[in-house]
PDB file of all heavy atoms in Angstrom:
ATOM      1  N   ALA A   1     -45.210-139.357  44.875  1.00  0.00           N
ATOM      2  CA  ALA A   1     -45.429-140.902  44.893  1.00  0.00           C
ATOM      3  C   ALA A   1     -46.826-141.279  45.283  1.00  0.00           C
ATOM      4  O   ALA A   1     -47.240-142.427  44.969  1.00  0.00           O
ATOM      5  CB  ALA A   1     -44.479-141.485  45.985  1.00  0.00           C
ATOM      6  N   ARG A   2     -47.595-140.346  45.762  1.00  0.00           N
ATOM      7  CA  ARG A   2     -49.006-140.608  46.119  1.00  0.00           C
ATOM      8  C   ARG A   2     -49.928-139.407  45.766  1.00  0.00           C
ATOM      9  O   ARG A   2     -50.687-138.928  46.531  1.00  0.00           O
ATOM     10  CB  ARG A   2     -49.141-141.079  47.593  1.00  0.00           C
ATOM     11  CG  ARG A   2     -48.655-140.056  48.590  1.00  0.00           C
ATOM     12  CD  ARG A   2     -48.668-140.703  50.050  1.00  0.00           C
ATOM     13  NE  ARG A   2     -48.261-139.626  51.001  1.00  0.00           N
ATOM     14  CZ  ARG A   2     -49.230-138.928  51.731  1.00  0.00           C
ATOM     15  NH1 ARG A   2     -50.494-139.123  51.541  1.00  0.00           N
ATOM     16  NH2 ARG A   2     -48.872-138.093  52.587  1.00  0.00           N
ATOM     17  N   LEU A   3     -49.727-138.921  44.547  1.00  0.00           N
ATOM     18  CA  LEU A   3     -50.233-137.644  44.251  1.00  0.00           C
ATOM     19  C   LEU A   3     -51.829-137.705  44.155  1.00  0.00           C
ATOM     20  O   LEU A   3     -52.415-136.795  44.721  1.00  0.00           O
ATOM     21  CB  LEU A   3     -49.768-137.206  42.800  1.00  0.00           C
ATOM     22  CG  LEU A   3     -50.221-135.757  42.260  1.00  0.00           C
ATOM     23  CD1 LEU A   3     -49.933-134.767  43.288  1.00  0.00           C
ATOM     24  CD2 LEU A   3     -49.654-135.561  40.926  1.00  0.00           C
ATOM     25  N   GLY A   4     -52.396-138.772  43.659  1.00  0.00           N
ATOM     26  CA  GLY A   4     -53.937-138.806  43.680  1.00  0.00           C
ATOM     27  C   GLY A   4     -54.462-138.796  44.965  1.00  0.00           C
ATOM     28  O   GLY A   4     -55.457-138.053  45.365  1.00  0.00           O
ATOM     29  N   GLU A   5     -53.856-139.421  45.991  1.00  0.00           N
ATOM     30  CA  GLU A   5     -54.334-139.446  47.391  1.00  0.00           C
ATOM     31  C   GLU A   5     -54.130-138.067  47.960  1.00  0.00           C
ATOM     32  O   GLU A   5     -54.928-137.558  48.722  1.00  0.00           O
ATOM     33  CB  GLU A   5     -53.547-140.481  48.172  1.00  0.00           C
ATOM     34  CG  GLU A   5     -53.952-140.539  49.628  1.00  0.00           C
ATOM     35  CD  GLU A   5     -53.081-141.536  50.434  1.00  0.00           C
ATOM     36  OE1 GLU A   5     -52.484-142.421  49.790  1.00  0.00           O
ATOM     37  OE2 GLU A   5     -53.153-141.480  51.651  1.00  0.00           O
ATOM     38  N   GLU A   6     -53.000-137.439  47.625  1.00  0.00           N
ATOM     39  CA  GLU A   6     -52.784-136.129  48.148  1.00  0.00           C
ATOM     40  C   GLU A   6     -53.798-135.099  47.713  1.00  0.00           C
ATOM     41  O   GLU A   6     -54.333-134.262  48.470  1.00  0.00           O
ATOM     42  CB  GLU A   6     -51.416-135.564  47.703  1.00  0.00           C
ATOM     43  CG  GLU A   6     -50.192-136.241  48.313  1.00  0.00           C
ATOM     44  CD  GLU A   6     -49.746-135.574  49.590  1.00  0.00           C
ATOM     45  OE1 GLU A   6     -50.425-135.807  50.589  1.00  0.00           O
ATOM     46  OE2 GLU A   6     -48.687-134.968  49.629  1.00  0.00           O
ATOM     47  N   VAL A   7     -54.188-135.175  46.399  1.00  0.00           N
ATOM     48  CA  VAL A   7     -55.320-134.328  45.925  1.00  0.00           C
ATOM     49  C   VAL A   7     -56.612-134.593  46.630  1.00  0.00           C
ATOM     50  O   VAL A   7     -57.360-133.707  46.993  1.00  0.00           O
ATOM     51  CB  VAL A   7     -55.428-134.485  44.444  1.00  0.00           C
ATOM     52  CG1 VAL A   7     -56.745-133.926  43.892  1.00  0.00           C
ATOM     53  CG2 VAL A   7     -54.209-133.977  43.665  1.00  0.00           C
ATOM     54  N   GLU A   8     -56.859-135.816  46.811  1.00  0.00           N
ATOM     55  CA  GLU A   8     -58.124-136.204  47.470  1.00  0.00           C
ATOM     56  C   GLU A   8     -58.171-135.651  48.913  1.00  0.00           C
ATOM     57  O   GLU A   8     -59.232-135.143  49.396  1.00  0.00           O
ATOM     58  CB  GLU A   8     -58.371-137.693  47.487  1.00  0.00           C
ATOM     59  CG  GLU A   8     -58.669-138.234  46.114  1.00  0.00           C
ATOM     60  CD  GLU A   8     -58.710-139.730  46.091  1.00  0.00           C
ATOM     61  OE1 GLU A   8     -58.245-140.348  47.012  1.00  0.00           O
ATOM     62  OE2 GLU A   8     -59.164-140.294  45.052  1.00  0.00           O
ATOM     63  N   ARG A   9     -57.074-135.680  49.535  1.00  0.00           N
ATOM     64  CA  ARG A   9     -57.045-135.326  50.975  1.00  0.00           C
ATOM     65  C   ARG A   9     -57.204-133.797  51.147  1.00  0.00           C
ATOM     66  O   ARG A   9     -57.800-133.336  52.136  1.00  0.00           O
ATOM     67  CB  ARG A   9     -55.806-135.831  51.685  1.00  0.00           C
ATOM     68  CG  ARG A   9     -55.786-137.370  51.916  1.00  0.00           C
ATOM     69  CD  ARG A   9     -54.713-137.871  52.728  1.00  0.00           C
ATOM     70  NE  ARG A   9     -54.954-139.224  53.151  1.00  0.00           N
ATOM     71  CZ  ARG A   9     -54.194-139.929  53.984  1.00  0.00           C
ATOM     72  NH1 ARG A   9     -53.019-139.385  54.477  1.00  0.00           N
ATOM     73  NH2 ARG A   9     -54.526-141.228  54.306  1.00  0.00           N
ATOM     74  N   VAL A  10     -56.566-133.048  50.301  1.00  0.00           N
ATOM     75  CA  VAL A  10     -56.734-131.576  50.487  1.00  0.00           C
ATOM     76  C   VAL A  10     -58.104-131.145  50.084  1.00  0.00           C
ATOM     77  O   VAL A  10     -58.589-130.186  50.721  1.00  0.00           O
ATOM     78  CB  VAL A  10     -55.627-130.721  49.555  1.00  0.00           C
ATOM     79  CG1 VAL A  10     -54.293-130.883  50.137  1.00  0.00           C
ATOM     80  CG2 VAL A  10     -55.742-131.147  48.120  1.00  0.00           C
ATOM     81  N   VAL A  11     -58.763-131.830  49.195  1.00  0.00           N
ATOM     82  CA  VAL A  11     -60.151-131.512  48.856  1.00  0.00           C
ATOM     83  C   VAL A  11     -61.011-131.912  50.058  1.00  0.00           C
ATOM     84  O   VAL A  11     -61.946-131.234  50.453  1.00  0.00           O
ATOM     85  CB  VAL A  11     -60.561-132.137  47.512  1.00  0.00           C
ATOM     86  CG1 VAL A  11     -62.037-131.939  47.226  1.00  0.00           C
ATOM     87  CG2 VAL A  11     -59.776-131.611  46.373  1.00  0.00           C
ATOM     88  N   GLU A  12     -60.790-133.090  50.564  1.00  0.00           N
ATOM     89  CA  GLU A  12     -61.591-133.536  51.733  1.00  0.00           C
ATOM     90  C   GLU A  12     -61.395-132.551  52.945  1.00  0.00           C
ATOM     91  O   GLU A  12     -62.329-132.396  53.788  1.00  0.00           O
ATOM     92  CB  GLU A  12     -61.069-134.948  52.187  1.00  0.00           C
ATOM     93  CG  GLU A  12     -61.438-136.095  51.233  1.00  0.00           C
ATOM     94  CD  GLU A  12     -60.814-137.356  51.687  1.00  0.00           C
ATOM     95  OE1 GLU A  12     -59.988-137.408  52.535  1.00  0.00           O
ATOM     96  OE2 GLU A  12     -61.055-138.308  50.930  1.00  0.00           O
ATOM     97  N   ALA A  13     -60.205-131.898  53.011  1.00  0.00           N
ATOM     98  CA  ALA A  13     -60.016-130.943  54.074  1.00  0.00           C
ATOM     99  C   ALA A  13     -60.712-129.618  53.881  1.00  0.00           C
ATOM    100  O   ALA A  13     -60.769-128.822  54.835  1.00  0.00           O
ATOM    101  CB  ALA A  13     -58.462-130.699  54.261  1.00  0.00           C
ATOM    102  N   GLY A  14     -61.296-129.390  52.676  1.00  0.00           N
ATOM    103  CA  GLY A  14     -62.060-128.145  52.561  1.00  0.00           C
ATOM    104  C   GLY A  14     -61.479-127.335  51.402  1.00  0.00           C
ATOM    105  O   GLY A  14     -61.957-126.195  51.253  1.00  0.00           O
ATOM    106  N   CYS A  15     -60.547-127.732  50.683  1.00  0.00           N
ATOM    107  CA  CYS A  15     -59.967-126.914  49.533  1.00  0.00           C
ATOM    108  C   CYS A  15     -60.873-127.144  48.243  1.00  0.00           C
ATOM    109  O   CYS A  15     -61.207-128.170  47.978  1.00  0.00           O
ATOM    110  CB  CYS A  15     -58.569-127.288  49.230  1.00  0.00           C
ATOM    111  SG  CYS A  15     -57.456-126.947  50.741  1.00  0.00           S
ATOM    112  N   GLU A  16     -61.099-125.998  47.539  1.00  0.00           N
ATOM    113  CA  GLU A  16     -61.988-125.925  46.438  1.00  0.00           C
ATOM    114  C   GLU A  16     -61.214-126.118  45.060  1.00  0.00           C
ATOM    115  O   GLU A  16     -61.855-126.421  44.091  1.00  0.00           O
ATOM    116  CB  GLU A  16     -62.871-124.779  46.441  1.00  0.00           C
ATOM    117  CG  GLU A  16     -63.818-124.563  47.621  1.00  0.00           C
ATOM    118  CD  GLU A  16     -63.153-123.723  48.727  1.00  0.00           C
ATOM    119  OE1 GLU A  16     -61.896-123.561  48.589  1.00  0.00           O
ATOM    120  OE2 GLU A  16     -63.805-123.332  49.609  1.00  0.00           O
ATOM    121  N   VAL A  17     -60.010-125.739  45.110  1.00  0.00           N
ATOM    122  CA  VAL A  17     -59.148-125.618  43.888  1.00  0.00           C
ATOM    123  C   VAL A  17     -57.981-126.415  44.063  1.00  0.00           C
ATOM    124  O   VAL A  17     -57.245-126.408  45.133  1.00  0.00           O
ATOM    125  CB  VAL A  17     -58.896-124.168  43.564  1.00  0.00           C
ATOM    126  CG1 VAL A  17     -58.048-123.977  42.351  1.00  0.00           C
ATOM    127  CG2 VAL A  17     -60.178-123.281  43.507  1.00  0.00           C
ATOM    128  N   VAL A  18     -57.544-127.066  42.983  1.00  0.00           N
ATOM    129  CA  VAL A  18     -56.183-127.759  42.918  1.00  0.00           C
ATOM    130  C   VAL A  18     -55.435-127.092  41.930  1.00  0.00           C
ATOM    131  O   VAL A  18     -55.740-126.917  40.721  1.00  0.00           O
ATOM    132  CB  VAL A  18     -56.420-129.258  42.447  1.00  0.00           C
ATOM    133  CG1 VAL A  18     -55.017-129.943  42.291  1.00  0.00           C
ATOM    134  CG2 VAL A  18     -57.278-130.052  43.480  1.00  0.00           C
ATOM    135  N   HIS A  19     -54.239-126.484  42.433  1.00  0.00           N
ATOM    136  CA  HIS A  19     -53.375-125.639  41.549  1.00  0.00           C
ATOM    137  C   HIS A  19     -52.278-126.467  41.024  1.00  0.00           C
ATOM    138  O   HIS A  19     -51.494-127.167  41.717  1.00  0.00           O
ATOM    139  CB  HIS A  19     -52.795-124.512  42.398  1.00  0.00           C
ATOM    140  CG  HIS A  19     -52.074-123.427  41.700  1.00  0.00           C
ATOM    141  ND1 HIS A  19     -52.785-122.397  41.101  1.00  0.00           N
ATOM    142  CD2 HIS A  19     -50.779-123.174  41.555  1.00  0.00           C
ATOM    143  CE1 HIS A  19     -51.947-121.624  40.485  1.00  0.00           C
ATOM    144  NE2 HIS A  19     -50.653-122.041  40.707  1.00  0.00           N
ATOM    145  N   VAL A  20     -52.093-126.366  39.668  1.00  0.00           N
ATOM    146  CA  VAL A  20     -51.099-127.151  39.009  1.00  0.00           C
ATOM    147  C   VAL A  20     -50.035-126.234  38.296  1.00  0.00           C
ATOM    148  O   VAL A  20     -50.343-125.545  37.401  1.00  0.00           O
ATOM    149  CB  VAL A  20     -51.728-128.103  37.853  1.00  0.00           C
ATOM    150  CG1 VAL A  20     -50.761-128.856  37.106  1.00  0.00           C
ATOM    151  CG2 VAL A  20     -52.837-129.025  38.505  1.00  0.00           C
ATOM    152  N   ASP A  21     -48.820-126.230  38.849  1.00  0.00           N
ATOM    153  CA  ASP A  21     -47.720-125.415  38.434  1.00  0.00           C
ATOM    154  C   ASP A  21     -47.032-126.107  37.306  1.00  0.00           C
ATOM    155  O   ASP A  21     -46.387-127.070  37.550  1.00  0.00           O
ATOM    156  CB  ASP A  21     -46.814-125.034  39.559  1.00  0.00           C
ATOM    157  CG  ASP A  21     -47.438-123.955  40.417  1.00  0.00           C
ATOM    158  OD1 ASP A  21     -47.831-123.024  40.004  1.00  0.00           O
ATOM    159  OD2 ASP A  21     -47.421-124.244  41.757  1.00  0.00           O
ATOM    160  N   VAL A  22     -46.899-125.536  36.191  1.00  0.00           N
ATOM    161  CA  VAL A  22     -46.331-126.166  34.955  1.00  0.00           C
ATOM    162  C   VAL A  22     -45.117-125.265  34.661  1.00  0.00           C
ATOM    163  O   VAL A  22     -45.311-124.159  34.204  1.00  0.00           O
ATOM    164  CB  VAL A  22     -47.339-126.196  33.699  1.00  0.00           C
ATOM    165  CG1 VAL A  22     -46.625-126.842  32.547  1.00  0.00           C
ATOM    166  CG2 VAL A  22     -48.538-126.916  34.083  1.00  0.00           C
ATOM    167  N   MET A  23     -43.958-125.807  34.720  1.00  0.00           N
ATOM    168  CA  MET A  23     -42.679-125.095  34.513  1.00  0.00           C
ATOM    169  C   MET A  23     -41.894-125.840  33.476  1.00  0.00           C
ATOM    170  O   MET A  23     -41.853-127.123  33.426  1.00  0.00           O
ATOM    171  CB  MET A  23     -41.836-124.990  35.802  1.00  0.00           C
ATOM    172  CG  MET A  23     -42.720-124.293  36.919  1.00  0.00           C
ATOM    173  SD  MET A  23     -41.656-124.148  38.453  1.00  0.00           S
ATOM    174  CE  MET A  23     -42.957-123.658  39.556  1.00  0.00           C
ATOM    175  N   ASP A  24     -41.118-125.067  32.646  1.00  0.00           N
ATOM    176  CA  ASP A  24     -40.532-125.699  31.494  1.00  0.00           C
ATOM    177  C   ASP A  24     -38.900-125.602  31.384  1.00  0.00           C
ATOM    178  O   ASP A  24     -38.348-125.999  30.466  1.00  0.00           O
ATOM    179  CB  ASP A  24     -41.020-124.906  30.167  1.00  0.00           C
ATOM    180  CG  ASP A  24     -40.772-123.486  30.083  1.00  0.00           C
ATOM    181  OD1 ASP A  24     -39.989-122.964  31.052  1.00  0.00           O
ATOM    182  OD2 ASP A  24     -40.975-122.861  29.034  1.00  0.00           O
ATOM    183  N   ASN A  25     -38.346-125.147  32.580  1.00  0.00           N
ATOM    184  CA  ASN A  25     -36.923-124.922  32.559  1.00  0.00           C
ATOM    185  C   ASN A  25     -36.431-124.052  31.341  1.00  0.00           C
ATOM    186  O   ASN A  25     -35.287-124.123  31.005  1.00  0.00           O
ATOM    187  CB  ASN A  25     -36.190-126.293  32.483  1.00  0.00           C
ATOM    188  CG  ASN A  25     -34.701-126.150  32.881  1.00  0.00           C
ATOM    189  OD1 ASN A  25     -34.417-125.315  33.758  1.00  0.00           O
ATOM    190  ND2 ASN A  25     -33.763-126.898  32.297  1.00  0.00           N
ATOM    191  N   HIS A  26     -37.298-123.108  31.011  1.00  0.00           N
ATOM    192  CA  HIS A  26     -36.940-122.174  29.928  1.00  0.00           C
ATOM    193  C   HIS A  26     -37.483-120.809  30.357  1.00  0.00           C
ATOM    194  O   HIS A  26     -36.672-119.960  30.575  1.00  0.00           O
ATOM    195  CB  HIS A  26     -37.591-122.592  28.650  1.00  0.00           C
ATOM    196  CG  HIS A  26     -37.329-121.730  27.455  1.00  0.00           C
ATOM    197  ND1 HIS A  26     -36.072-121.480  26.989  1.00  0.00           N
ATOM    198  CD2 HIS A  26     -38.250-120.935  26.722  1.00  0.00           C
ATOM    199  CE1 HIS A  26     -36.207-120.586  26.034  1.00  0.00           C
ATOM    200  NE2 HIS A  26     -37.415-120.242  25.748  1.00  0.00           N
ATOM    201  N   TYR A  27     -38.815-120.681  30.431  1.00  0.00           N
ATOM    202  CA  TYR A  27     -39.284-119.396  31.054  1.00  0.00           C
ATOM    203  C   TYR A  27     -38.928-119.182  32.483  1.00  0.00           C
ATOM    204  O   TYR A  27     -38.734-118.099  32.987  1.00  0.00           O
ATOM    205  CB  TYR A  27     -40.869-119.310  30.795  1.00  0.00           C
ATOM    206  CG  TYR A  27     -41.493-118.057  31.403  1.00  0.00           C
ATOM    207  CD1 TYR A  27     -41.161-116.834  30.759  1.00  0.00           C
ATOM    208  CD2 TYR A  27     -42.304-118.150  32.546  1.00  0.00           C
ATOM    209  CE1 TYR A  27     -41.736-115.662  31.265  1.00  0.00           C
ATOM    210  CE2 TYR A  27     -42.870-117.009  33.027  1.00  0.00           C
ATOM    211  CZ  TYR A  27     -42.572-115.753  32.433  1.00  0.00           C
ATOM    212  OH  TYR A  27     -43.129-114.671  33.012  1.00  0.00           O
ATOM    213  N   VAL A  28     -39.016-120.264  33.228  1.00  0.00           N
ATOM    214  CA  VAL A  28     -38.544-120.323  34.638  1.00  0.00           C
ATOM    215  C   VAL A  28     -37.474-121.447  34.825  1.00  0.00           C
ATOM    216  O   VAL A  28     -37.455-122.438  34.003  1.00  0.00           O
ATOM    217  CB  VAL A  28     -39.720-120.592  35.601  1.00  0.00           C
ATOM    218  CG1 VAL A  28     -40.737-119.363  35.524  1.00  0.00           C
ATOM    219  CG2 VAL A  28     -40.434-121.863  35.310  1.00  0.00           C
ATOM    220  N   PRO A  29     -36.643-121.289  35.834  1.00  0.00           N
ATOM    221  CA  PRO A  29     -35.585-122.203  36.058  1.00  0.00           C
ATOM    222  C   PRO A  29     -35.992-123.458  36.885  1.00  0.00           C
ATOM    223  O   PRO A  29     -35.380-123.838  37.890  1.00  0.00           O
ATOM    224  CB  PRO A  29     -34.514-121.403  36.808  1.00  0.00           C
ATOM    225  CG  PRO A  29     -35.337-120.510  37.551  1.00  0.00           C
ATOM    226  CD  PRO A  29     -36.519-120.112  36.846  1.00  0.00           C
ATOM    227  N   ASN A  30     -36.952-124.259  36.292  1.00  0.00           N
ATOM    228  CA  ASN A  30     -37.354-125.433  36.924  1.00  0.00           C
ATOM    229  C   ASN A  30     -38.124-126.241  35.872  1.00  0.00           C
ATOM    230  O   ASN A  30     -38.697-125.643  34.916  1.00  0.00           O
ATOM    231  CB  ASN A  30     -38.250-125.185  38.184  1.00  0.00           C
ATOM    232  CG  ASN A  30     -38.277-126.413  39.063  1.00  0.00           C
ATOM    233  OD1 ASN A  30     -37.818-127.449  38.825  1.00  0.00           O
ATOM    234  ND2 ASN A  30     -38.991-126.158  40.284  1.00  0.00           N
ATOM    235  N   LEU A  31     -38.285-127.545  36.157  1.00  0.00           N
ATOM    236  CA  LEU A  31     -38.992-128.397  35.209  1.00  0.00           C
ATOM    237  C   LEU A  31     -39.950-129.222  35.988  1.00  0.00           C
ATOM    238  O   LEU A  31     -39.517-129.908  36.984  1.00  0.00           O
ATOM    239  CB  LEU A  31     -38.047-129.354  34.375  1.00  0.00           C
ATOM    240  CG  LEU A  31     -38.573-130.238  33.392  1.00  0.00           C
ATOM    241  CD1 LEU A  31     -39.296-129.422  32.182  1.00  0.00           C
ATOM    242  CD2 LEU A  31     -37.538-131.119  32.833  1.00  0.00           C
ATOM    243  N   THR A  32     -41.251-129.194  35.698  1.00  0.00           N
ATOM    244  CA  THR A  32     -42.141-129.855  36.650  1.00  0.00           C
ATOM    245  C   THR A  32     -43.023-130.876  35.753  1.00  0.00           C
ATOM    246  O   THR A  32     -42.514-131.951  35.560  1.00  0.00           O
ATOM    247  CB  THR A  32     -43.022-128.884  37.235  1.00  0.00           C
ATOM    248  OG1 THR A  32     -43.808-128.051  36.369  1.00  0.00           O
ATOM    249  CG2 THR A  32     -42.338-127.981  38.253  1.00  0.00           C
ATOM    250  N   ILE A  33     -44.363-130.584  35.469  1.00  0.00           N
ATOM    251  CA  ILE A  33     -45.214-131.523  34.939  1.00  0.00           C
ATOM    252  C   ILE A  33     -45.889-131.260  33.708  1.00  0.00           C
ATOM    253  O   ILE A  33     -45.909-129.965  33.347  1.00  0.00           O
ATOM    254  CB  ILE A  33     -46.238-131.958  36.001  1.00  0.00           C
ATOM    255  CG1 ILE A  33     -47.076-130.696  36.326  1.00  0.00           C
ATOM    256  CG2 ILE A  33     -45.640-132.442  37.294  1.00  0.00           C
ATOM    257  CD1 ILE A  33     -48.238-130.924  37.317  1.00  0.00           C
ATOM    258  N   GLY A  34     -46.478-132.189  33.031  1.00  0.00           N
ATOM    259  CA  GLY A  34     -47.143-131.924  31.739  1.00  0.00           C
ATOM    260  C   GLY A  34     -48.535-132.281  31.853  1.00  0.00           C
ATOM    261  O   GLY A  34     -49.131-132.670  32.906  1.00  0.00           O
ATOM    262  N   PRO A  35     -49.297-132.314  30.671  1.00  0.00           N
ATOM    263  CA  PRO A  35     -50.716-132.625  30.659  1.00  0.00           C
ATOM    264  C   PRO A  35     -51.075-133.975  31.201  1.00  0.00           C
ATOM    265  O   PRO A  35     -52.183-134.234  31.656  1.00  0.00           O
ATOM    266  CB  PRO A  35     -50.995-132.480  29.174  1.00  0.00           C
ATOM    267  CG  PRO A  35     -50.011-131.628  28.613  1.00  0.00           C
ATOM    268  CD  PRO A  35     -48.691-131.907  29.419  1.00  0.00           C
ATOM    269  N   LEU A  36     -50.218-135.004  31.059  1.00  0.00           N
ATOM    270  CA  LEU A  36     -50.509-136.349  31.523  1.00  0.00           C
ATOM    271  C   LEU A  36     -50.735-136.371  33.045  1.00  0.00           C
ATOM    272  O   LEU A  36     -51.706-137.076  33.429  1.00  0.00           O
ATOM    273  CB  LEU A  36     -49.409-137.327  31.161  1.00  0.00           C
ATOM    274  CG  LEU A  36     -49.178-137.623  29.657  1.00  0.00           C
ATOM    275  CD1 LEU A  36     -48.033-138.530  29.427  1.00  0.00           C
ATOM    276  CD2 LEU A  36     -50.498-138.266  29.092  1.00  0.00           C
ATOM    277  N   VAL A  37     -50.137-135.493  33.807  1.00  0.00           N
ATOM    278  CA  VAL A  37     -50.325-135.524  35.264  1.00  0.00           C
ATOM    279  C   VAL A  37     -51.750-134.898  35.536  1.00  0.00           C
ATOM    280  O   VAL A  37     -52.402-135.244  36.336  1.00  0.00           O
ATOM    281  CB  VAL A  37     -49.178-134.709  35.935  1.00  0.00           C
ATOM    282  CG1 VAL A  37     -49.521-134.526  37.450  1.00  0.00           C
ATOM    283  CG2 VAL A  37     -47.840-135.453  35.796  1.00  0.00           C
ATOM    284  N   CYS A  38     -52.038-133.844  34.816  1.00  0.00           N
ATOM    285  CA  CYS A  38     -53.288-133.227  34.916  1.00  0.00           C
ATOM    286  C   CYS A  38     -54.445-134.180  34.530  1.00  0.00           C
ATOM    287  O   CYS A  38     -55.415-134.341  35.339  1.00  0.00           O
ATOM    288  CB  CYS A  38     -53.353-132.057  34.075  1.00  0.00           C
ATOM    289  SG  CYS A  38     -54.882-131.127  34.136  1.00  0.00           S
ATOM    290  N   ALA A  39     -54.262-134.964  33.515  1.00  0.00           N
ATOM    291  CA  ALA A  39     -55.228-135.968  33.201  1.00  0.00           C
ATOM    292  C   ALA A  39     -55.306-137.047  34.199  1.00  0.00           C
ATOM    293  O   ALA A  39     -56.462-137.557  34.423  1.00  0.00           O
ATOM    294  CB  ALA A  39     -54.823-136.521  31.833  1.00  0.00           C
TER     295      ALA A  39
END
């Protein structure tokens, strides 16, 4: 619900990388996000 702020806060805390897990409910049993969220 506040993803942009969450990303900013972990980077402000000293994290250098933002990890984006993309799952398709096919290769793995879960469905997450697509390119629009990354963009």
